[in-house]
Amino acid sequence: MMDSENVLQRITIDPNICFGKPTVRGMRYSVELILELLSSGMSYQEILDDYPSLEKKDILACIMFANNIVRYKNFQYAV
């Protein structure tokens, strides 16, 4: 299980990389990209095969990062 400290080490935000979007370890793989790949049905292993510089912990960090945003963000839905 990953804790928040590990997420902070793996997910970085740099205004000079991907327009400041959260990325994996300062590489040009955004959290958004990883989540899109997962939501398209790709498995962890398929993602790792296509992006060999990624690690399984990077994918888990992206999921935890997104989970924390959803958990702590106050969403208001228009009806």
PDB file of N, CA and C in Angstrom:
ATOM      1  N   MET A   1       0.847  -1.186   0.000  1.00  0.00           N
ATOM      2  CA  MET A   1       0.000   0.000   0.000  1.00  0.00           C
ATOM      3  C   MET A   1       0.889   1.245   0.000  1.00  0.00           C
ATOM      4  N   MET A   2       0.530   2.213  -0.799  1.00  0.00           N
ATOM      5  CA  MET A   2       1.310   3.443  -0.867  1.00  0.00           C
ATOM      6  C   MET A   2       0.740   4.464   0.091  1.00  0.00           C
ATOM      7  N   ASP A   3       1.612   5.256   0.689  1.00  0.00           N
ATOM      8  CA  ASP A   3       1.153   6.332   1.547  1.00  0.00           C
ATOM      9  C   ASP A   3       1.338   7.665   0.836  1.00  0.00           C
ATOM     10  N   SER A   4       0.820   8.714   1.430  1.00  0.00           N
ATOM     11  CA  SER A   4       0.862  10.033   0.793  1.00  0.00           C
ATOM     12  C   SER A   4       2.279  10.508   0.525  1.00  0.00           C
ATOM     13  N   GLU A   5       3.214  10.130   1.384  1.00  0.00           N
ATOM     14  CA  GLU A   5       4.600  10.546   1.189  1.00  0.00           C
ATOM     15  C   GLU A   5       5.160   9.988  -0.111  1.00  0.00           C
ATOM     16  N   ASN A   6       4.871   8.726  -0.397  1.00  0.00           N
ATOM     17  CA  ASN A   6       5.338   8.134  -1.656  1.00  0.00           C
ATOM     18  C   ASN A   6       4.713   8.815  -2.858  1.00  0.00           C
ATOM     19  N   VAL A   7       3.447   9.201  -2.741  1.00  0.00           N
ATOM     20  CA  VAL A   7       2.782   9.898  -3.845  1.00  0.00           C
ATOM     21  C   VAL A   7       3.486  11.218  -4.108  1.00  0.00           C
ATOM     22  N   LEU A   8       3.780  11.952  -3.061  1.00  0.00           N
ATOM     23  CA  LEU A   8       4.442  13.241  -3.243  1.00  0.00           C
ATOM     24  C   LEU A   8       5.810  13.075  -3.895  1.00  0.00           C
ATOM     25  N   GLN A   9       6.460  11.965  -3.680  1.00  0.00           N
ATOM     26  CA  GLN A   9       7.757  11.731  -4.301  1.00  0.00           C
ATOM     27  C   GLN A   9       7.616  11.349  -5.772  1.00  0.00           C
ATOM     28  N   ARG A  10       6.525  10.738  -6.149  1.00  0.00           N
ATOM     29  CA  ARG A  10       6.355  10.258  -7.518  1.00  0.00           C
ATOM     30  C   ARG A  10       5.567  11.216  -8.406  1.00  0.00           C
ATOM     31  N   ILE A  11       4.669  11.990  -7.837  1.00  0.00           N
ATOM     32  CA  ILE A  11       3.865  12.933  -8.625  1.00  0.00           C
ATOM     33  C   ILE A  11       4.437  14.327  -8.430  1.00  0.00           C
ATOM     34  N   THR A  12       4.827  14.941  -9.533  1.00  0.00           N
ATOM     35  CA  THR A  12       5.452  16.256  -9.463  1.00  0.00           C
ATOM     36  C   THR A  12       4.674  17.254 -10.315  1.00  0.00           C
ATOM     37  N   ILE A  13       4.791  18.506  -9.930  1.00  0.00           N
ATOM     38  CA  ILE A  13       4.166  19.591 -10.695  1.00  0.00           C
ATOM     39  C   ILE A  13       5.247  20.625 -10.975  1.00  0.00           C
ATOM     40  N   ASP A  14       5.516  20.825 -12.245  1.00  0.00           N
ATOM     41  CA  ASP A  14       6.548  21.762 -12.675  1.00  0.00           C
ATOM     42  C   ASP A  14       5.965  22.562 -13.834  1.00  0.00           C
ATOM     43  N   PRO A  15       5.924  23.887 -13.701  1.00  0.00           N
ATOM     44  CA  PRO A  15       5.325  24.694 -14.775  1.00  0.00           C
ATOM     45  C   PRO A  15       6.010  24.531 -16.129  1.00  0.00           C
ATOM     46  N   ASN A  16       7.232  24.008 -16.144  1.00  0.00           N
ATOM     47  CA  ASN A  16       7.970  23.819 -17.397  1.00  0.00           C
ATOM     48  C   ASN A  16       7.757  22.444 -18.020  1.00  0.00           C
ATOM     49  N   ILE A  17       6.993  21.579 -17.360  1.00  0.00           N
ATOM     50  CA  ILE A  17       6.738  20.241 -17.882  1.00  0.00           C
ATOM     51  C   ILE A  17       5.233  20.056 -18.030  1.00  0.00           C
ATOM     52  N   CYS A  18       4.797  19.754 -19.240  1.00  0.00           N
ATOM     53  CA  CYS A  18       3.372  19.507 -19.534  1.00  0.00           C
ATOM     54  C   CYS A  18       2.467  20.635 -19.029  1.00  0.00           C
ATOM     55  N   PHE A  19       2.921  21.861 -19.197  1.00  0.00           N
ATOM     56  CA  PHE A  19       2.135  23.045 -18.837  1.00  0.00           C
ATOM     57  C   PHE A  19       1.722  23.050 -17.361  1.00  0.00           C
ATOM     58  N   GLY A  20       2.539  22.435 -16.513  1.00  0.00           N
ATOM     59  CA  GLY A  20       2.257  22.448 -15.083  1.00  0.00           C
ATOM     60  C   GLY A  20       1.284  21.385 -14.606  1.00  0.00           C
ATOM     61  N   LYS A  21       0.899  20.494 -15.502  1.00  0.00           N
ATOM     62  CA  LYS A  21       0.015  19.395 -15.078  1.00  0.00           C
ATOM     63  C   LYS A  21       0.809  18.444 -14.189  1.00  0.00           C
ATOM     64  N   PRO A  22       0.142  17.757 -13.266  1.00  0.00           N
ATOM     65  CA  PRO A  22       0.834  16.762 -12.453  1.00  0.00           C
ATOM     66  C   PRO A  22       1.380  15.646 -13.347  1.00  0.00           C
ATOM     67  N   THR A  23       2.656  15.322 -13.162  1.00  0.00           N
ATOM     68  CA  THR A  23       3.307  14.283 -13.956  1.00  0.00           C
ATOM     69  C   THR A  23       3.982  13.262 -13.039  1.00  0.00           C
ATOM     70  N   VAL A  24       4.391  12.178 -13.640  1.00  0.00           N
ATOM     71  CA  VAL A  24       5.077  11.107 -12.923  1.00  0.00           C
ATOM     72  C   VAL A  24       6.574  11.398 -12.897  1.00  0.00           C
ATOM     73  N   ARG A  25       7.108  11.579 -11.723  1.00  0.00           N
ATOM     74  CA  ARG A  25       8.548  11.746 -11.485  1.00  0.00           C
ATOM     75  C   ARG A  25       9.217  12.737 -12.427  1.00  0.00           C
ATOM     76  N   GLY A  26       8.528  13.827 -12.748  1.00  0.00           N
ATOM     77  CA  GLY A  26       9.121  14.856 -13.592  1.00  0.00           C
ATOM     78  C   GLY A  26       9.265  14.476 -15.052  1.00  0.00           C
ATOM     79  N   MET A  27       8.747  13.306 -15.418  1.00  0.00           N
ATOM     80  CA  MET A  27       8.778  12.902 -16.825  1.00  0.00           C
ATOM     81  C   MET A  27       7.552  13.501 -17.521  1.00  0.00           C
ATOM     82  N   ARG A  28       7.462  13.338 -18.778  1.00  0.00           N
ATOM     83  CA  ARG A  28       6.346  13.911 -19.537  1.00  0.00           C
ATOM     84  C   ARG A  28       5.161  12.955 -19.632  1.00  0.00           C
ATOM     85  N   TYR A  29       4.955  12.183 -18.593  1.00  0.00           N
ATOM     86  CA  TYR A  29       3.783  11.314 -18.488  1.00  0.00           C
ATOM     87  C   TYR A  29       2.866  11.935 -17.443  1.00  0.00           C
ATOM     88  N   SER A  30       1.781  12.544 -17.901  1.00  0.00           N
ATOM     89  CA  SER A  30       0.884  13.207 -16.958  1.00  0.00           C
ATOM     90  C   SER A  30       0.003  12.191 -16.242  1.00  0.00           C
ATOM     91  N   VAL A  31      -0.429  12.585 -15.059  1.00  0.00           N
ATOM     92  CA  VAL A  31      -1.389  11.765 -14.311  1.00  0.00           C
ATOM     93  C   VAL A  31      -2.622  11.561 -15.177  1.00  0.00           C
ATOM     94  N   GLU A  32      -3.024  12.602 -15.869  1.00  0.00           N
ATOM     95  CA  GLU A  32      -4.185  12.531 -16.758  1.00  0.00           C
ATOM     96  C   GLU A  32      -4.017  11.433 -17.806  1.00  0.00           C
ATOM     97  N   LEU A  33      -2.844  11.351 -18.428  1.00  0.00           N
ATOM     98  CA  LEU A  33      -2.584  10.319 -19.438  1.00  0.00           C
ATOM     99  C   LEU A  33      -2.721   8.926 -18.835  1.00  0.00           C
ATOM    100  N   ILE A  34      -2.117   8.709 -17.692  1.00  0.00           N
ATOM    101  CA  ILE A  34      -2.159   7.387 -17.067  1.00  0.00           C
ATOM    102  C   ILE A  34      -3.597   7.006 -16.731  1.00  0.00           C
ATOM    103  N   LEU A  35      -4.366   7.950 -16.210  1.00  0.00           N
ATOM    104  CA  LEU A  35      -5.766   7.668 -15.886  1.00  0.00           C
ATOM    105  C   LEU A  35      -6.581   7.390 -17.145  1.00  0.00           C
ATOM    106  N   GLU A  36      -6.292   8.109 -18.222  1.00  0.00           N
ATOM    107  CA  GLU A  36      -6.981   7.847 -19.493  1.00  0.00           C
ATOM    108  C   GLU A  36      -6.673   6.446 -20.004  1.00  0.00           C
ATOM    109  N   LEU A  37      -5.414   6.037 -19.896  1.00  0.00           N
ATOM    110  CA  LEU A  37      -5.036   4.696 -20.343  1.00  0.00           C
ATOM    111  C   LEU A  37      -5.758   3.631 -19.524  1.00  0.00           C
ATOM    112  N   LEU A  38      -5.803   3.823 -18.210  1.00  0.00           N
ATOM    113  CA  LEU A  38      -6.506   2.874 -17.347  1.00  0.00           C
ATOM    114  C   LEU A  38      -7.998   2.840 -17.665  1.00  0.00           C
ATOM    115  N   SER A  39      -8.589   4.013 -17.858  1.00  0.00           N
ATOM    116  CA  SER A  39     -10.034   4.056 -18.118  1.00  0.00           C
ATOM    117  C   SER A  39     -10.390   3.506 -19.493  1.00  0.00           C
ATOM    118  N   SER A  40      -9.412   3.455 -20.394  1.00  0.00           N
ATOM    119  CA  SER A  40      -9.665   2.873 -21.716  1.00  0.00           C
ATOM    120  C   SER A  40      -9.637   1.348 -21.655  1.00  0.00           C
ATOM    121  N   GLY A  41      -9.233   0.809 -20.508  1.00  0.00           N
ATOM    122  CA  GLY A  41      -9.224  -0.634 -20.346  1.00  0.00           C
ATOM    123  C   GLY A  41      -7.842  -1.266 -20.356  1.00  0.00           C
ATOM    124  N   MET A  42      -6.811  -0.458 -20.495  1.00  0.00           N
ATOM    125  CA  MET A  42      -5.463  -1.017 -20.480  1.00  0.00           C
ATOM    126  C   MET A  42      -5.136  -1.533 -19.080  1.00  0.00           C
ATOM    127  N   SER A  43      -4.433  -2.626 -19.032  1.00  0.00           N
ATOM    128  CA  SER A  43      -3.994  -3.173 -17.749  1.00  0.00           C
ATOM    129  C   SER A  43      -2.701  -2.481 -17.322  1.00  0.00           C
ATOM    130  N   TYR A  44      -2.350  -2.646 -16.060  1.00  0.00           N
ATOM    131  CA  TYR A  44      -1.073  -2.117 -15.585  1.00  0.00           C
ATOM    132  C   TYR A  44       0.056  -2.619 -16.476  1.00  0.00           C
ATOM    133  N   GLN A  45       0.044  -3.920 -16.754  1.00  0.00           N
ATOM    134  CA  GLN A  45       1.140  -4.514 -17.521  1.00  0.00           C
ATOM    135  C   GLN A  45       1.199  -3.955 -18.934  1.00  0.00           C
ATOM    136  N   GLU A  46       0.061  -3.724 -19.560  1.00  0.00           N
ATOM    137  CA  GLU A  46       0.062  -3.140 -20.910  1.00  0.00           C
ATOM    138  C   GLU A  46       0.661  -1.738 -20.891  1.00  0.00           C
ATOM    139  N   ILE A  47       0.323  -0.959 -19.872  1.00  0.00           N
ATOM    140  CA  ILE A  47       0.883   0.391 -19.758  1.00  0.00           C
ATOM    141  C   ILE A  47       2.391   0.306 -19.552  1.00  0.00           C
ATOM    142  N   LEU A  48       2.819  -0.582 -18.660  1.00  0.00           N
ATOM    143  CA  LEU A  48       4.250  -0.733 -18.394  1.00  0.00           C
ATOM    144  C   LEU A  48       5.000  -1.219 -19.631  1.00  0.00           C
ATOM    145  N   ASP A  49       4.364  -2.067 -20.425  1.00  0.00           N
ATOM    146  CA  ASP A  49       4.994  -2.539 -21.661  1.00  0.00           C
ATOM    147  C   ASP A  49       5.140  -1.404 -22.676  1.00  0.00           C
ATOM    148  N   ASP A  50       4.130  -0.545 -22.764  1.00  0.00           N
ATOM    149  CA  ASP A  50       4.161   0.570 -23.718  1.00  0.00           C
ATOM    150  C   ASP A  50       5.053   1.723 -23.252  1.00  0.00           C
ATOM    151  N   TYR A  51       5.217   1.874 -21.946  1.00  0.00           N
ATOM    152  CA  TYR A  51       5.994   2.967 -21.363  1.00  0.00           C
ATOM    153  C   TYR A  51       7.009   2.379 -20.379  1.00  0.00           C
ATOM    154  N   PRO A  52       8.109   1.840 -20.883  1.00  0.00           N
ATOM    155  CA  PRO A  52       9.051   1.090 -20.038  1.00  0.00           C
ATOM    156  C   PRO A  52       9.712   1.910 -18.926  1.00  0.00           C
ATOM    157  N   SER A  53       9.704   3.216 -19.024  1.00  0.00           N
ATOM    158  CA  SER A  53      10.308   4.021 -17.953  1.00  0.00           C
ATOM    159  C   SER A  53       9.379   4.174 -16.745  1.00  0.00           C
ATOM    160  N   LEU A  54       8.130   3.736 -16.894  1.00  0.00           N
ATOM    161  CA  LEU A  54       7.195   3.772 -15.768  1.00  0.00           C
ATOM    162  C   LEU A  54       7.336   2.514 -14.919  1.00  0.00           C
ATOM    163  N   GLU A  55       6.948   2.637 -13.659  1.00  0.00           N
ATOM    164  CA  GLU A  55       6.913   1.512 -12.730  1.00  0.00           C
ATOM    165  C   GLU A  55       5.485   1.354 -12.229  1.00  0.00           C
ATOM    166  N   LYS A  56       5.171   0.161 -11.748  1.00  0.00           N
ATOM    167  CA  LYS A  56       3.823  -0.076 -11.232  1.00  0.00           C
ATOM    168  C   LYS A  56       3.484   0.920 -10.127  1.00  0.00           C
ATOM    169  N   LYS A  57       4.449   1.276  -9.298  1.00  0.00           N
ATOM    170  CA  LYS A  57       4.206   2.245  -8.232  1.00  0.00           C
ATOM    171  C   LYS A  57       3.822   3.613  -8.786  1.00  0.00           C
ATOM    172  N   ASP A  58       4.286   3.953  -9.994  1.00  0.00           N
ATOM    173  CA  ASP A  58       3.897   5.216 -10.633  1.00  0.00           C
ATOM    174  C   ASP A  58       2.408   5.209 -10.960  1.00  0.00           C
ATOM    175  N   ILE A  59       1.937   4.091 -11.477  1.00  0.00           N
ATOM    176  CA  ILE A  59       0.516   3.974 -11.819  1.00  0.00           C
ATOM    177  C   ILE A  59      -0.331   4.050 -10.546  1.00  0.00           C
ATOM    178  N   LEU A  60       0.091   3.352  -9.528  1.00  0.00           N
ATOM    179  CA  LEU A  60      -0.639   3.400  -8.253  1.00  0.00           C
ATOM    180  C   LEU A  60      -0.626   4.808  -7.669  1.00  0.00           C
ATOM    181  N   ALA A  61       0.480   5.507  -7.811  1.00  0.00           N
ATOM    182  CA  ALA A  61       0.566   6.889  -7.321  1.00  0.00           C
ATOM    183  C   ALA A  61      -0.425   7.787  -8.059  1.00  0.00           C
ATOM    184  N   CYS A  62      -0.586   7.579  -9.369  1.00  0.00           N
ATOM    185  CA  CYS A  62      -1.553   8.370 -10.147  1.00  0.00           C
ATOM    186  C   CYS A  62      -2.970   8.134  -9.640  1.00  0.00           C
ATOM    187  N   ILE A  63      -3.287   6.885  -9.358  1.00  0.00           N
ATOM    188  CA  ILE A  63      -4.622   6.572  -8.855  1.00  0.00           C
ATOM    189  C   ILE A  63      -4.833   7.206  -7.486  1.00  0.00           C
ATOM    190  N   MET A  64      -3.838   7.108  -6.619  1.00  0.00           N
ATOM    191  CA  MET A  64      -3.960   7.692  -5.282  1.00  0.00           C
ATOM    192  C   MET A  64      -4.056   9.218  -5.362  1.00  0.00           C
ATOM    193  N   PHE A  65      -3.287   9.827  -6.247  1.00  0.00           N
ATOM    194  CA  PHE A  65      -3.326  11.272  -6.433  1.00  0.00           C
ATOM    195  C   PHE A  65      -4.734  11.709  -6.848  1.00  0.00           C
ATOM    196  N   ALA A  66      -5.297  11.016  -7.832  1.00  0.00           N
ATOM    197  CA  ALA A  66      -6.651  11.347  -8.302  1.00  0.00           C
ATOM    198  C   ALA A  66      -7.683  11.110  -7.193  1.00  0.00           C
ATOM    199  N   ASN A  67      -7.514  10.037  -6.455  1.00  0.00           N
ATOM    200  CA  ASN A  67      -8.423   9.740  -5.357  1.00  0.00           C
ATOM    201  C   ASN A  67      -8.393  10.854  -4.320  1.00  0.00           C
ATOM    202  N   ASN A  68      -7.217  11.350  -4.006  1.00  0.00           N
ATOM    203  CA  ASN A  68      -7.107  12.436  -3.022  1.00  0.00           C
ATOM    204  C   ASN A  68      -7.779  13.709  -3.517  1.00  0.00           C
ATOM    205  N   ILE A  69      -7.670  13.987  -4.807  1.00  0.00           N
ATOM    206  CA  ILE A  69      -8.340  15.178  -5.356  1.00  0.00           C
ATOM    207  C   ILE A  69      -9.854  15.035  -5.221  1.00  0.00           C
ATOM    208  N   VAL A  70     -10.372  13.890  -5.593  1.00  0.00           N
ATOM    209  CA  VAL A  70     -11.818  13.666  -5.520  1.00  0.00           C
ATOM    210  C   VAL A  70     -12.283  13.677  -4.062  1.00  0.00           C
ATOM    211  N   ARG A  71     -11.499  13.113  -3.192  1.00  0.00           N
ATOM    212  CA  ARG A  71     -11.870  13.038  -1.775  1.00  0.00           C
ATOM    213  C   ARG A  71     -11.961  14.418  -1.138  1.00  0.00           C
ATOM    214  N   TYR A  72     -11.024  15.302  -1.450  1.00  0.00           N
ATOM    215  CA  TYR A  72     -10.939  16.568  -0.741  1.00  0.00           C
ATOM    216  C   TYR A  72     -11.504  17.762  -1.501  1.00  0.00           C
ATOM    217  N   LYS A  73     -11.838  17.584  -2.745  1.00  0.00           N
ATOM    218  CA  LYS A  73     -12.402  18.674  -3.543  1.00  0.00           C
ATOM    219  C   LYS A  73     -13.898  18.784  -3.269  1.00  0.00           C
ATOM    220  N   ASN A  74     -14.388  19.986  -3.108  1.00  0.00           N
ATOM    221  CA  ASN A  74     -15.814  20.211  -2.887  1.00  0.00           C
ATOM    222  C   ASN A  74     -16.458  20.457  -4.239  1.00  0.00           C
ATOM    223  N   PHE A  75     -17.125  19.440  -4.766  1.00  0.00           N
ATOM    224  CA  PHE A  75     -17.744  19.550  -6.076  1.00  0.00           C
ATOM    225  C   PHE A  75     -19.184  20.042  -5.932  1.00  0.00           C
ATOM    226  N   GLN A  76     -19.578  20.909  -6.836  1.00  0.00           N
ATOM    227  CA  GLN A  76     -20.970  21.348  -6.892  1.00  0.00           C
ATOM    228  C   GLN A  76     -21.475  21.003  -8.281  1.00  0.00           C
ATOM    229  N   TYR A  77     -22.552  20.279  -8.306  1.00  0.00           N
ATOM    230  CA  TYR A  77     -23.116  19.848  -9.588  1.00  0.00           C
ATOM    231  C   TYR A  77     -24.332  20.690  -9.924  1.00  0.00           C
ATOM    232  N   ALA A  78     -24.398  21.121 -11.177  1.00  0.00           N
ATOM    233  CA  ALA A  78     -25.580  21.831 -11.644  1.00  0.00           C
ATOM    234  C   ALA A  78     -26.653  20.804 -11.973  1.00  0.00           C
ATOM    235  N   VAL A  79     -27.862  21.113 -11.605  1.00  0.00           N
ATOM    236  CA  VAL A  79     -28.958  20.195 -11.872  1.00  0.00           C
ATOM    237  C   VAL A  79     -29.817  20.701 -13.002  1.00  0.00           C
TER     238      VAL A  79
END
